[in-house]
Amino acid sequence: MDANGYDGLKFGEGITKDDITITQEADGFVYIRINNTTDVVKFTQASTTSTLAIDYIYFADNSRIRANAILVSLKTLTEGDDTLTANRNGTNNIQALAGDDTITGGIDARNNIDGGADDDTLTGGSYADSLIGGQGNDTLNGGNGDDTLNAGQGNDTLNGGNGDDTLNAGQGNDTLNGVMATTP
């Protein structure tokens, strides 16, 4: 508990919000993993109460993330047509299911978005994003940053944006759009 009476989880020295990945998996539980380690924190009550047992996640640099904001960004996607805007900075890992989904990653985040089946619109943020269209006629918008866009099956449109992007066409008639770098 901090000086204001808030319960929290505090990470040790050298761990920042960019060093963790937060997911809600098929079992309904929320997992916080420290990247490139086997360390994990599992919140089991999130599947039944839609809340976490803490108010904040604290980091060594004195930054913090409000726990209920995490749950909002971990909205459970369905087999239907979903719309999701990730509100979290750091790393967003989003796995869509079937349906014509519209998913927008966090603007100041690394977004790993898999659209799943059907016709999806996926939009990254300003860092290095990974967007996977999957089956269907998808539109992938990388935005700024060095993005990787993978079309999958279908007639897809890949828009790279600024940065050193990698656009991978899949099966189908795909349209690839990039931005030419200029030198003064």
Foldseek 3Di string as FASTA:
>chain_A
DDPVPWFEAEDDPPDDLLQWEWAQDPLRWIWIDGPPDPDIDIFPCCNPPVFGPGQWYAYPVGDIDGRNLSSLQRDDADLEEEEHERQDAHEYEEEHEHYAYEYEYHQRHAYEYEHYEEEYEYEYHAEEYEYEDAHYAYEYHDAHYAYEYHDHADAYEYEDYHYNYHYHYYHDNYHYHYDDDDDD
